[in-house]
Amino acid sequence: MARIETAIEAKAGEVTKQRDELIGPSLGEELRRDALIALGVALVAQLPTRSCRRCRAR
């Protein structure tokens, strides 16, 4: 993290960290669940498109 702050200071001047936050286990679990749901929805949305391409190729 210090390398990032040093690089920003070199470009923009003095830098002060406002806060430092971590994602807890419950939030991480929620993000993982939501990501899996989004992936499932995206895969299901692509199924009709792929099957239509196969029909047109015949």
C-alpha atoms as a PDB file:
ATOM      1  CA  MET A   1       0.000   0.000   0.000  1.00  0.00           C
ATOM      2  CA  ALA A   2       2.887   2.344   0.709  1.00  0.00           C
ATOM      3  CA  ARG A   3       4.080   2.017  -2.898  1.00  0.00           C
ATOM      4  CA  ILE A   4       0.691   3.201  -4.145  1.00  0.00           C
ATOM      5  CA  GLU A   5       0.681   6.183  -1.799  1.00  0.00           C
ATOM      6  CA  THR A   6       4.251   7.082  -2.823  1.00  0.00           C
ATOM      7  CA  ALA A   7       3.355   6.902  -6.521  1.00  0.00           C
ATOM      8  CA  ILE A   8       0.293   9.126  -6.012  1.00  0.00           C
ATOM      9  CA  GLU A   9       2.316  11.629  -3.970  1.00  0.00           C
ATOM     10  CA  ALA A  10       4.900  11.800  -6.753  1.00  0.00           C
ATOM     11  CA  LYS A  11       2.180  12.705  -9.300  1.00  0.00           C
ATOM     12  CA  ALA A  12      -0.307  14.746  -7.279  1.00  0.00           C
ATOM     13  CA  GLY A  13       1.412  15.992  -4.132  1.00  0.00           C
ATOM     14  CA  GLU A  14       0.643  15.227  -0.497  1.00  0.00           C
ATOM     15  CA  VAL A  15      -1.715  12.306   0.154  1.00  0.00           C
ATOM     16  CA  THR A  16      -3.666  11.580   3.338  1.00  0.00           C
ATOM     17  CA  LYS A  17      -5.473   8.278   3.874  1.00  0.00           C
ATOM     18  CA  GLN A  18      -9.059   9.006   4.946  1.00  0.00           C
ATOM     19  CA  ARG A  19     -10.021   5.520   6.067  1.00  0.00           C
ATOM     20  CA  ASP A  20      -9.035   1.893   5.773  1.00  0.00           C
ATOM     21  CA  GLU A  21     -11.829  -0.666   5.529  1.00  0.00           C
ATOM     22  CA  LEU A  22     -11.983  -4.415   5.261  1.00  0.00           C
ATOM     23  CA  ILE A  23     -14.789  -6.572   3.935  1.00  0.00           C
ATOM     24  CA  GLY A  24     -16.023  -8.871   6.671  1.00  0.00           C
ATOM     25  CA  PRO A  25     -16.962 -12.525   6.226  1.00  0.00           C
ATOM     26  CA  SER A  26     -20.715 -11.870   6.073  1.00  0.00           C
ATOM     27  CA  LEU A  27     -20.358  -9.234   3.352  1.00  0.00           C
ATOM     28  CA  GLY A  28     -17.927 -11.446   1.441  1.00  0.00           C
ATOM     29  CA  GLU A  29     -20.446 -14.290   1.566  1.00  0.00           C
ATOM     30  CA  GLU A  30     -23.203 -11.992   0.295  1.00  0.00           C
ATOM     31  CA  LEU A  31     -21.016 -10.744  -2.570  1.00  0.00           C
ATOM     32  CA  ARG A  32     -20.116 -14.325  -3.520  1.00  0.00           C
ATOM     33  CA  ARG A  33     -23.784 -15.359  -3.536  1.00  0.00           C
ATOM     34  CA  ASP A  34     -24.817 -12.337  -5.621  1.00  0.00           C
ATOM     35  CA  ALA A  35     -21.983 -12.971  -8.083  1.00  0.00           C
ATOM     36  CA  LEU A  36     -23.082 -16.590  -8.551  1.00  0.00           C
ATOM     37  CA  ILE A  37     -26.683 -15.492  -9.118  1.00  0.00           C
ATOM     38  CA  ALA A  38     -25.537 -12.924 -11.710  1.00  0.00           C
ATOM     39  CA  LEU A  39     -23.431 -15.572 -13.449  1.00  0.00           C
ATOM     40  CA  GLY A  40     -26.392 -17.957 -13.562  1.00  0.00           C
ATOM     41  CA  VAL A  41     -28.699 -15.290 -14.993  1.00  0.00           C
ATOM     42  CA  ALA A  42     -26.115 -14.376 -17.646  1.00  0.00           C
ATOM     43  CA  LEU A  43     -25.682 -18.021 -18.677  1.00  0.00           C
ATOM     44  CA  VAL A  44     -29.436 -18.596 -18.913  1.00  0.00           C
ATOM     45  CA  ALA A  45     -29.841 -15.401 -20.954  1.00  0.00           C
ATOM     46  CA  GLN A  46     -27.315 -16.677 -23.503  1.00  0.00           C
ATOM     47  CA  LEU A  47     -28.952 -20.074 -24.036  1.00  0.00           C
ATOM     48  CA  PRO A  48     -31.682 -18.906 -26.479  1.00  0.00           C
ATOM     49  CA  THR A  49     -29.127 -16.917 -28.484  1.00  0.00           C
ATOM     50  CA  ARG A  50     -26.837 -19.900 -28.917  1.00  0.00           C
ATOM     51  CA  SER A  51     -29.649 -22.249 -29.895  1.00  0.00           C
ATOM     52  CA  CYS A  52     -30.969 -19.768 -32.507  1.00  0.00           C
ATOM     53  CA  ARG A  53     -27.530 -19.559 -34.123  1.00  0.00           C
ATOM     54  CA  ARG A  54     -27.457 -23.338 -34.481  1.00  0.00           C
ATOM     55  CA  CYS A  55     -30.922 -23.342 -36.103  1.00  0.00           C
ATOM     56  CA  ARG A  56     -29.901 -20.705 -38.668  1.00  0.00           C
ATOM     57  CA  ALA A  57     -26.669 -22.572 -39.540  1.00  0.00           C
ATOM     58  CA  ARG A  58     -28.593 -25.658 -40.704  1.00  0.00           C
END
